[in-house]
N, C-alpha and C. Protein backbone atom coordinates (compact mmCIF):
# COMPACT_ATOMS: atom_id res chain seq x y z
N MET A 1 0.83 -1.19 0.00
CA MET A 1 0.00 0.00 0.00
C MET A 1 0.87 1.25 0.00
N TYR A 2 0.34 2.30 -0.57
CA TYR A 2 1.01 3.59 -0.57
C TYR A 2 0.28 4.51 0.41
N TYR A 3 1.04 5.21 1.20
CA TYR A 3 0.44 6.18 2.11
C TYR A 3 0.99 7.55 1.79
N CYS A 4 0.11 8.50 1.60
CA CYS A 4 0.54 9.89 1.42
C CYS A 4 0.40 10.59 2.76
N ILE A 5 1.48 11.12 3.23
CA ILE A 5 1.47 11.83 4.50
C ILE A 5 1.86 13.27 4.22
N THR A 6 1.04 14.20 4.64
CA THR A 6 1.36 15.61 4.44
C THR A 6 1.04 16.39 5.71
N PHE A 7 1.99 17.18 6.16
CA PHE A 7 1.76 18.14 7.23
C PHE A 7 1.79 19.51 6.58
N THR A 8 0.75 20.28 6.75
CA THR A 8 0.74 21.63 6.20
C THR A 8 0.47 22.63 7.32
N LYS A 9 0.92 23.84 7.11
CA LYS A 9 0.70 24.89 8.09
C LYS A 9 0.30 26.15 7.34
N ILE A 10 -0.66 26.87 7.89
CA ILE A 10 -1.04 28.15 7.32
C ILE A 10 -0.14 29.20 7.96
N THR A 11 0.61 29.91 7.14
CA THR A 11 1.56 30.89 7.67
C THR A 11 0.85 32.18 8.04
N ARG A 12 1.58 33.10 8.64
CA ARG A 12 0.98 34.37 9.05
C ARG A 12 0.45 35.16 7.86
N SER A 13 1.04 34.98 6.72
CA SER A 13 0.58 35.68 5.51
C SER A 13 -0.54 34.91 4.81
N ASN A 14 -1.10 33.90 5.51
CA ASN A 14 -2.20 33.08 4.99
C ASN A 14 -1.83 32.28 3.75
N SER A 15 -0.56 32.01 3.58
CA SER A 15 -0.18 31.13 2.48
C SER A 15 0.05 29.73 3.04
N LEU A 16 -0.03 28.76 2.17
CA LEU A 16 0.10 27.38 2.60
C LEU A 16 1.57 26.97 2.55
N GLN A 17 2.06 26.48 3.66
CA GLN A 17 3.44 26.01 3.71
C GLN A 17 3.41 24.51 3.97
N ILE A 18 4.01 23.76 3.08
CA ILE A 18 4.07 22.32 3.30
C ILE A 18 5.28 22.05 4.18
N LEU A 19 5.02 21.58 5.39
CA LEU A 19 6.10 21.32 6.33
C LEU A 19 6.76 19.98 6.04
N PHE A 20 5.96 19.04 5.64
CA PHE A 20 6.48 17.70 5.47
C PHE A 20 5.57 16.96 4.51
N HIS A 21 6.16 16.31 3.54
CA HIS A 21 5.37 15.51 2.61
C HIS A 21 6.15 14.24 2.33
N GLU A 22 5.51 13.14 2.46
CA GLU A 22 6.20 11.87 2.26
C GLU A 22 5.23 10.85 1.68
N VAL A 23 5.72 10.08 0.77
CA VAL A 23 4.96 8.93 0.28
C VAL A 23 5.65 7.71 0.86
N ILE A 24 4.90 6.94 1.60
CA ILE A 24 5.47 5.78 2.28
C ILE A 24 4.97 4.52 1.59
N ILE A 25 5.88 3.68 1.26
CA ILE A 25 5.51 2.39 0.71
C ILE A 25 5.92 1.38 1.78
N SER A 26 4.99 1.10 2.66
CA SER A 26 5.36 0.22 3.77
C SER A 26 4.12 -0.27 4.49
N ASN A 27 4.35 -0.74 5.69
CA ASN A 27 3.26 -1.33 6.45
C ASN A 27 2.59 -0.30 7.37
N ASP A 28 1.59 -0.74 8.08
CA ASP A 28 0.83 0.15 8.96
C ASP A 28 1.66 0.66 10.14
N LYS A 29 2.75 0.00 10.44
CA LYS A 29 3.59 0.42 11.57
C LYS A 29 4.12 1.84 11.36
N ASN A 30 4.64 2.12 10.16
CA ASN A 30 5.15 3.46 9.88
C ASN A 30 4.04 4.50 9.91
N LEU A 31 2.88 4.14 9.42
CA LEU A 31 1.75 5.06 9.44
C LEU A 31 1.39 5.41 10.88
N THR A 32 1.41 4.44 11.75
CA THR A 32 1.12 4.67 13.17
C THR A 32 2.11 5.65 13.77
N ILE A 33 3.37 5.55 13.40
CA ILE A 33 4.39 6.48 13.89
C ILE A 33 4.04 7.91 13.46
N PHE A 34 3.65 8.08 12.19
CA PHE A 34 3.30 9.42 11.71
C PHE A 34 2.04 9.96 12.36
N ILE A 35 1.08 9.10 12.59
CA ILE A 35 -0.14 9.55 13.27
C ILE A 35 0.18 9.97 14.69
N ASN A 36 1.04 9.24 15.36
CA ASN A 36 1.46 9.64 16.71
C ASN A 36 2.20 10.97 16.68
N LEU A 37 3.02 11.16 15.66
CA LEU A 37 3.73 12.43 15.51
C LEU A 37 2.73 13.56 15.32
N TRP A 38 1.69 13.33 14.52
CA TRP A 38 0.66 14.35 14.31
C TRP A 38 -0.05 14.67 15.62
N GLN A 39 -0.37 13.67 16.40
CA GLN A 39 -1.03 13.91 17.69
C GLN A 39 -0.14 14.77 18.58
N TYR A 40 1.15 14.55 18.52
CA TYR A 40 2.08 15.39 19.28
C TYR A 40 2.00 16.83 18.79
N PHE A 41 2.03 17.00 17.46
CA PHE A 41 1.92 18.35 16.89
C PHE A 41 0.64 19.03 17.35
N SER A 42 -0.46 18.32 17.28
CA SER A 42 -1.76 18.94 17.58
C SER A 42 -1.87 19.35 19.04
N TYR A 43 -1.15 18.69 19.94
CA TYR A 43 -1.20 19.07 21.35
C TYR A 43 -0.20 20.16 21.69
N THR A 44 0.89 20.23 20.98
CA THR A 44 1.95 21.17 21.36
C THR A 44 1.98 22.44 20.53
N ILE A 45 1.33 22.43 19.38
CA ILE A 45 1.36 23.58 18.49
C ILE A 45 -0.08 23.96 18.15
N SER A 46 -0.27 25.15 17.65
CA SER A 46 -1.62 25.65 17.38
C SER A 46 -2.36 24.80 16.35
N ASN A 47 -3.65 25.06 16.23
CA ASN A 47 -4.50 24.30 15.29
C ASN A 47 -4.32 24.71 13.84
N SER A 48 -3.36 25.56 13.56
CA SER A 48 -3.16 25.97 12.17
C SER A 48 -2.40 24.91 11.38
N PHE A 49 -2.10 23.80 12.00
CA PHE A 49 -1.46 22.69 11.30
C PHE A 49 -2.52 21.70 10.85
N TYR A 50 -2.33 21.17 9.66
CA TYR A 50 -3.26 20.18 9.13
C TYR A 50 -2.47 18.93 8.77
N PHE A 51 -3.07 17.82 9.03
CA PHE A 51 -2.43 16.54 8.74
C PHE A 51 -3.33 15.76 7.80
N HIS A 52 -2.74 15.20 6.78
CA HIS A 52 -3.51 14.43 5.82
C HIS A 52 -2.82 13.08 5.63
N SER A 53 -3.56 12.04 5.73
CA SER A 53 -3.01 10.71 5.48
C SER A 53 -4.06 9.90 4.73
N ILE A 54 -3.66 9.38 3.60
CA ILE A 54 -4.60 8.63 2.79
C ILE A 54 -3.88 7.41 2.23
N CYS A 55 -4.57 6.31 2.18
CA CYS A 55 -3.99 5.06 1.69
C CYS A 55 -4.48 4.79 0.26
N PHE A 56 -3.56 4.42 -0.63
CA PHE A 56 -3.90 4.16 -2.03
C PHE A 56 -3.15 2.96 -2.55
N SER A 57 -3.68 2.44 -3.64
CA SER A 57 -2.97 1.35 -4.30
C SER A 57 -2.05 1.89 -5.38
N SER A 58 -2.25 3.13 -5.80
CA SER A 58 -1.43 3.72 -6.86
C SER A 58 -0.77 4.99 -6.36
N ILE A 59 0.49 5.14 -6.66
CA ILE A 59 1.22 6.33 -6.22
C ILE A 59 0.70 7.58 -6.94
N LEU A 60 0.22 7.45 -8.19
CA LEU A 60 -0.33 8.60 -8.91
C LEU A 60 -1.62 9.08 -8.25
N ASP A 61 -2.47 8.15 -7.84
CA ASP A 61 -3.69 8.53 -7.12
C ASP A 61 -3.33 9.30 -5.86
N CYS A 62 -2.29 8.84 -5.22
CA CYS A 62 -1.83 9.46 -3.98
C CYS A 62 -1.49 10.93 -4.20
N PHE A 63 -0.69 11.23 -5.21
CA PHE A 63 -0.30 12.62 -5.47
C PHE A 63 -1.48 13.46 -5.93
N GLU A 64 -2.38 12.86 -6.71
CA GLU A 64 -3.56 13.59 -7.17
C GLU A 64 -4.43 14.01 -5.99
N ILE A 65 -4.66 13.11 -5.07
CA ILE A 65 -5.49 13.43 -3.90
C ILE A 65 -4.80 14.46 -3.02
N ASN A 66 -3.48 14.37 -2.88
CA ASN A 66 -2.78 15.38 -2.09
C ASN A 66 -2.91 16.75 -2.73
N PHE A 67 -2.87 16.82 -4.05
CA PHE A 67 -3.08 18.09 -4.75
C PHE A 67 -4.46 18.65 -4.41
N ILE A 68 -5.47 17.78 -4.45
CA ILE A 68 -6.84 18.20 -4.14
C ILE A 68 -6.92 18.73 -2.71
N ILE A 69 -6.32 18.03 -1.78
CA ILE A 69 -6.34 18.47 -0.38
C ILE A 69 -5.69 19.84 -0.25
N ILE A 70 -4.55 20.01 -0.89
CA ILE A 70 -3.83 21.29 -0.81
C ILE A 70 -4.67 22.40 -1.45
N MET A 71 -5.31 22.12 -2.58
CA MET A 71 -6.15 23.13 -3.22
C MET A 71 -7.33 23.51 -2.34
N LEU A 72 -7.95 22.53 -1.70
CA LEU A 72 -9.08 22.82 -0.82
C LEU A 72 -8.64 23.67 0.38
N VAL A 73 -7.49 23.36 0.93
CA VAL A 73 -6.97 24.17 2.05
C VAL A 73 -6.70 25.59 1.58
N GLN A 74 -6.12 25.74 0.40
CA GLN A 74 -5.86 27.09 -0.13
C GLN A 74 -7.16 27.84 -0.38
N LEU A 75 -8.17 27.17 -0.90
CA LEU A 75 -9.47 27.82 -1.12
C LEU A 75 -10.10 28.23 0.21
N GLN A 76 -9.93 27.39 1.23
CA GLN A 76 -10.45 27.74 2.56
C GLN A 76 -9.76 28.98 3.11
N GLN A 77 -8.48 29.11 2.83
CA GLN A 77 -7.75 30.30 3.28
C GLN A 77 -8.14 31.53 2.47
N THR A 78 -8.39 31.36 1.20
CA THR A 78 -8.77 32.48 0.34
C THR A 78 -10.18 32.96 0.65
N PHE A 79 -11.05 32.03 1.03
CA PHE A 79 -12.45 32.35 1.33
C PHE A 79 -12.79 31.92 2.76
N PRO A 80 -12.25 32.59 3.76
CA PRO A 80 -12.45 32.16 5.14
C PRO A 80 -13.90 32.27 5.63
N LYS A 81 -14.70 33.09 4.97
CA LYS A 81 -16.10 33.26 5.40
C LYS A 81 -17.02 32.19 4.82
N ILE A 82 -16.50 31.41 3.89
CA ILE A 82 -17.30 30.35 3.27
C ILE A 82 -17.03 29.04 3.99
N ASP A 83 -18.09 28.32 4.31
CA ASP A 83 -17.98 27.05 5.02
C ASP A 83 -17.21 26.01 4.19
N GLU A 84 -16.44 25.17 4.87
CA GLU A 84 -15.63 24.14 4.20
C GLU A 84 -16.49 23.22 3.33
N GLU A 85 -17.65 22.86 3.82
CA GLU A 85 -18.53 21.96 3.07
C GLU A 85 -19.01 22.62 1.77
N ILE A 86 -19.29 23.90 1.83
CA ILE A 86 -19.71 24.64 0.64
C ILE A 86 -18.56 24.67 -0.37
N ILE A 87 -17.35 24.96 0.11
CA ILE A 87 -16.18 24.98 -0.77
C ILE A 87 -16.01 23.63 -1.45
N SER A 88 -16.12 22.58 -0.68
CA SER A 88 -15.98 21.24 -1.24
C SER A 88 -17.07 20.94 -2.27
N ASP A 89 -18.30 21.35 -1.99
CA ASP A 89 -19.41 21.14 -2.94
C ASP A 89 -19.17 21.87 -4.25
N VAL A 90 -18.73 23.12 -4.16
CA VAL A 90 -18.47 23.91 -5.37
C VAL A 90 -17.33 23.28 -6.15
N TRP A 91 -16.26 22.89 -5.44
CA TRP A 91 -15.10 22.25 -6.05
C TRP A 91 -15.52 21.01 -6.84
N LYS A 92 -16.38 20.19 -6.23
CA LYS A 92 -16.86 18.97 -6.90
C LYS A 92 -17.78 19.30 -8.07
N ALA A 93 -18.67 20.28 -7.86
CA ALA A 93 -19.64 20.64 -8.90
C ALA A 93 -18.95 21.11 -10.18
N PHE A 94 -17.80 21.78 -10.03
CA PHE A 94 -17.08 22.27 -11.20
C PHE A 94 -15.90 21.38 -11.57
N LYS A 95 -15.96 20.13 -11.12
CA LYS A 95 -14.97 19.11 -11.49
C LYS A 95 -13.54 19.61 -11.28
N GLN A 96 -13.31 20.23 -10.13
CA GLN A 96 -11.99 20.70 -9.68
C GLN A 96 -11.40 21.78 -10.57
N ASP A 97 -12.25 22.55 -11.23
CA ASP A 97 -11.79 23.70 -12.01
C ASP A 97 -11.61 24.87 -11.05
N VAL A 98 -10.37 25.26 -10.83
CA VAL A 98 -10.04 26.28 -9.82
C VAL A 98 -10.68 27.62 -10.14
N GLU A 99 -10.60 28.06 -11.39
CA GLU A 99 -11.13 29.38 -11.76
C GLU A 99 -12.64 29.46 -11.59
N LYS A 100 -13.35 28.44 -12.04
CA LYS A 100 -14.81 28.44 -11.89
C LYS A 100 -15.19 28.37 -10.41
N THR A 101 -14.44 27.57 -9.65
CA THR A 101 -14.70 27.46 -8.22
C THR A 101 -14.51 28.80 -7.53
N LYS A 102 -13.40 29.47 -7.84
CA LYS A 102 -13.15 30.79 -7.25
C LYS A 102 -14.23 31.79 -7.63
N SER A 103 -14.68 31.73 -8.87
CA SER A 103 -15.72 32.64 -9.33
C SER A 103 -17.01 32.47 -8.51
N VAL A 104 -17.44 31.23 -8.32
CA VAL A 104 -18.66 30.98 -7.55
C VAL A 104 -18.46 31.33 -6.08
N LEU A 105 -17.30 31.02 -5.53
CA LEU A 105 -17.04 31.34 -4.12
C LEU A 105 -17.00 32.85 -3.90
N THR A 106 -16.45 33.58 -4.85
CA THR A 106 -16.45 35.04 -4.77
C THR A 106 -17.89 35.54 -4.80
N TRP A 107 -18.67 35.00 -5.71
CA TRP A 107 -20.09 35.37 -5.82
C TRP A 107 -20.83 35.08 -4.52
N LEU A 108 -20.58 33.91 -3.91
CA LEU A 108 -21.22 33.57 -2.64
C LEU A 108 -20.81 34.55 -1.54
N THR A 109 -19.53 34.90 -1.51
CA THR A 109 -19.03 35.84 -0.51
C THR A 109 -19.72 37.20 -0.64
N GLU A 110 -19.91 37.63 -1.86
CA GLU A 110 -20.53 38.94 -2.11
C GLU A 110 -22.03 38.95 -1.80
N ASN A 111 -22.67 37.80 -1.78
CA ASN A 111 -24.13 37.76 -1.66
C ASN A 111 -24.67 37.08 -0.41
N THR A 112 -23.79 36.67 0.49
CA THR A 112 -24.25 36.01 1.72
C THR A 112 -23.50 36.55 2.92
N THR A 113 -24.11 36.34 4.09
CA THR A 113 -23.45 36.78 5.33
C THR A 113 -23.26 35.65 6.33
N ASN A 114 -23.97 34.55 6.17
CA ASN A 114 -23.81 33.45 7.13
C ASN A 114 -23.93 32.10 6.43
N LEU A 115 -23.67 31.05 7.19
CA LEU A 115 -23.67 29.69 6.64
C LEU A 115 -25.02 29.32 6.03
N ARG A 116 -26.08 29.65 6.70
CA ARG A 116 -27.42 29.30 6.20
C ARG A 116 -27.67 29.94 4.83
N GLN A 117 -27.31 31.21 4.69
CA GLN A 117 -27.47 31.88 3.41
C GLN A 117 -26.58 31.25 2.34
N GLN A 118 -25.37 30.87 2.72
CA GLN A 118 -24.47 30.20 1.77
C GLN A 118 -25.12 28.92 1.24
N GLN A 119 -25.67 28.14 2.17
CA GLN A 119 -26.31 26.88 1.78
C GLN A 119 -27.51 27.14 0.86
N HIS A 120 -28.31 28.12 1.22
CA HIS A 120 -29.50 28.42 0.42
C HIS A 120 -29.13 28.93 -0.97
N LEU A 121 -28.20 29.88 -1.01
CA LEU A 121 -27.82 30.43 -2.31
C LEU A 121 -27.16 29.36 -3.19
N MET A 122 -26.38 28.50 -2.58
CA MET A 122 -25.75 27.41 -3.34
C MET A 122 -26.81 26.45 -3.88
N GLN A 123 -27.82 26.18 -3.08
CA GLN A 123 -28.92 25.31 -3.51
C GLN A 123 -29.67 25.95 -4.69
N LEU A 124 -29.91 27.25 -4.60
CA LEU A 124 -30.56 27.96 -5.71
C LEU A 124 -29.71 27.89 -6.97
N PHE A 125 -28.41 28.10 -6.78
CA PHE A 125 -27.48 28.06 -7.91
C PHE A 125 -27.52 26.70 -8.60
N LYS A 126 -27.48 25.63 -7.80
CA LYS A 126 -27.52 24.28 -8.37
C LYS A 126 -28.83 24.04 -9.12
N GLU A 127 -29.91 24.58 -8.59
CA GLU A 127 -31.23 24.35 -9.17
C GLU A 127 -31.41 25.03 -10.53
N VAL A 128 -30.92 26.27 -10.68
CA VAL A 128 -31.26 27.03 -11.89
C VAL A 128 -30.06 27.55 -12.68
N SER A 129 -28.85 27.22 -12.28
CA SER A 129 -27.68 27.79 -12.96
C SER A 129 -27.56 27.35 -14.42
N ASN A 130 -28.16 26.22 -14.76
CA ASN A 130 -28.11 25.80 -16.17
C ASN A 130 -29.07 26.61 -17.04
N GLN A 131 -29.97 27.39 -16.41
CA GLN A 131 -30.92 28.20 -17.17
C GLN A 131 -30.72 29.71 -16.96
N LEU A 132 -30.17 30.09 -15.81
CA LEU A 132 -30.04 31.51 -15.48
C LEU A 132 -28.61 31.86 -15.09
N GLU A 133 -28.24 33.10 -15.34
CA GLU A 133 -26.91 33.60 -14.97
C GLU A 133 -26.85 33.88 -13.47
N LYS A 134 -25.63 33.93 -12.95
CA LYS A 134 -25.44 34.25 -11.52
C LYS A 134 -26.02 35.61 -11.17
N THR A 135 -25.90 36.57 -12.08
CA THR A 135 -26.41 37.92 -11.79
C THR A 135 -27.93 37.91 -11.61
N THR A 136 -28.63 37.13 -12.42
CA THR A 136 -30.08 37.02 -12.28
C THR A 136 -30.44 36.36 -10.95
N ILE A 137 -29.71 35.31 -10.61
CA ILE A 137 -29.97 34.61 -9.34
C ILE A 137 -29.72 35.55 -8.16
N SER A 138 -28.59 36.25 -8.16
CA SER A 138 -28.27 37.12 -7.02
C SER A 138 -29.22 38.32 -6.94
N GLN A 139 -29.62 38.87 -8.09
CA GLN A 139 -30.57 40.00 -8.07
C GLN A 139 -31.92 39.55 -7.51
N THR A 140 -32.38 38.38 -7.93
CA THR A 140 -33.64 37.84 -7.42
C THR A 140 -33.52 37.55 -5.93
N TRP A 141 -32.40 37.02 -5.52
CA TRP A 141 -32.10 36.73 -4.11
C TRP A 141 -32.22 38.02 -3.28
N ARG A 142 -31.63 39.10 -3.77
CA ARG A 142 -31.71 40.38 -3.05
C ARG A 142 -33.13 40.95 -3.08
N ASN A 143 -33.78 40.86 -4.24
CA ASN A 143 -35.15 41.38 -4.35
C ASN A 143 -36.13 40.65 -3.43
N CYS A 144 -35.85 39.40 -3.16
CA CYS A 144 -36.71 38.60 -2.26
C CYS A 144 -36.19 38.63 -0.82
N ASN A 145 -35.37 39.61 -0.52
CA ASN A 145 -34.82 39.80 0.84
C ASN A 145 -34.09 38.57 1.38
N ARG A 146 -33.42 37.86 0.48
CA ARG A 146 -32.63 36.68 0.84
C ARG A 146 -33.46 35.59 1.54
N ILE A 147 -34.72 35.51 1.15
CA ILE A 147 -35.61 34.47 1.68
C ILE A 147 -35.63 33.34 0.65
N PHE A 148 -35.18 32.18 1.08
CA PHE A 148 -34.96 31.05 0.17
C PHE A 148 -36.21 30.67 -0.62
N VAL A 149 -37.31 30.40 0.08
CA VAL A 149 -38.52 29.90 -0.59
C VAL A 149 -39.05 30.93 -1.59
N ASP A 150 -39.09 32.20 -1.19
CA ASP A 150 -39.56 33.24 -2.10
C ASP A 150 -38.67 33.33 -3.35
N THR A 151 -37.37 33.25 -3.12
CA THR A 151 -36.42 33.33 -4.24
C THR A 151 -36.58 32.13 -5.17
N LEU A 152 -36.72 30.96 -4.60
CA LEU A 152 -36.88 29.75 -5.41
C LEU A 152 -38.13 29.83 -6.28
N VAL A 153 -39.24 30.27 -5.70
CA VAL A 153 -40.49 30.40 -6.46
C VAL A 153 -40.30 31.39 -7.61
N LYS A 154 -39.70 32.53 -7.31
CA LYS A 154 -39.49 33.57 -8.33
C LYS A 154 -38.57 33.06 -9.45
N LEU A 155 -37.48 32.38 -9.07
CA LEU A 155 -36.55 31.86 -10.08
C LEU A 155 -37.22 30.81 -10.96
N ARG A 156 -38.06 29.98 -10.37
CA ARG A 156 -38.80 28.98 -11.16
C ARG A 156 -39.76 29.67 -12.13
N GLU A 157 -40.38 30.76 -11.67
CA GLU A 157 -41.26 31.53 -12.57
C GLU A 157 -40.46 32.09 -13.75
N ILE A 158 -39.30 32.63 -13.44
CA ILE A 158 -38.44 33.19 -14.49
C ILE A 158 -38.05 32.10 -15.49
N CYS A 159 -37.68 30.94 -14.98
CA CYS A 159 -37.30 29.82 -15.86
C CYS A 159 -38.49 29.37 -16.71
N ALA A 160 -39.67 29.27 -16.10
CA ALA A 160 -40.86 28.84 -16.84
C ALA A 160 -41.21 29.84 -17.93
N THR A 161 -41.14 31.13 -17.60
CA THR A 161 -41.42 32.18 -18.58
C THR A 161 -40.41 32.12 -19.71
N SER A 162 -39.16 31.93 -19.35
CA SER A 162 -38.10 31.84 -20.35
C SER A 162 -38.33 30.65 -21.27
N ASN A 163 -38.69 29.51 -20.70
CA ASN A 163 -38.96 28.31 -21.50
C ASN A 163 -40.16 28.52 -22.41
N LEU A 164 -41.20 29.19 -21.91
CA LEU A 164 -42.39 29.47 -22.71
C LEU A 164 -42.06 30.40 -23.87
N ASN A 165 -41.25 31.42 -23.61
CA ASN A 165 -40.83 32.34 -24.67
C ASN A 165 -40.04 31.61 -25.75
N GLU A 166 -39.15 30.71 -25.34
CA GLU A 166 -38.37 29.93 -26.30
C GLU A 166 -39.28 29.04 -27.15
N LEU A 167 -40.26 28.43 -26.50
CA LEU A 167 -41.20 27.57 -27.21
C LEU A 167 -42.00 28.38 -28.23
N ASN A 168 -42.48 29.55 -27.84
CA ASN A 168 -43.24 30.41 -28.76
C ASN A 168 -42.37 30.86 -29.93
N THR A 169 -41.12 31.20 -29.66
CA THR A 169 -40.19 31.59 -30.72
C THR A 169 -39.98 30.44 -31.69
N TYR A 170 -39.84 29.25 -31.17
CA TYR A 170 -39.65 28.06 -32.00
C TYR A 170 -40.89 27.82 -32.88
N LYS A 171 -42.09 27.95 -32.29
CA LYS A 171 -43.33 27.75 -33.06
C LYS A 171 -43.45 28.78 -34.18
N ILE A 172 -43.10 30.02 -33.89
CA ILE A 172 -43.16 31.08 -34.89
C ILE A 172 -42.19 30.79 -36.03
N SER A 173 -41.00 30.29 -35.69
CA SER A 173 -40.00 30.00 -36.73
C SER A 173 -40.44 28.85 -37.63
N LEU A 174 -41.30 27.97 -37.13
CA LEU A 174 -41.81 26.85 -37.94
C LEU A 174 -42.86 27.32 -38.94
N LEU A 175 -43.52 28.43 -38.65
CA LEU A 175 -44.58 28.94 -39.55
C LEU A 175 -44.01 29.53 -40.76
């Protein structure tokens, strides 16, 4: 088995510093040593240290997952007001495209103030983003005083009207 072990620390300038990175090709005994070392770190040093350990059958999978972990930590540092779960959802929704993820996270930051609003706005985005632009979603969100149900109803009306207009245009073009 391959084990990817990474210790990272967020520096004072909020950049990610990799303190230690190792790929271990060995038994569980070595992994136990590293986990014990991490427990020592977590008790003696601040919580700004992160430890990641993942077991894989392929060394390439190992490095790919470590890249993902490092990117998620960097996104969490870049968007500290956005919940980790939301960041992870956006990251997955855009198939690990960093630029698209940053764009949506920036949009969420500009349009929400708390976790509940982040969750609601993200849910609205998932529901109608294939039909409506972010600006339409956020404007409707603000017009409905950031009330989820009201915004959802209004966005569905907009989508239905849009679909009806497209259908009418199509019928006219057939004549």
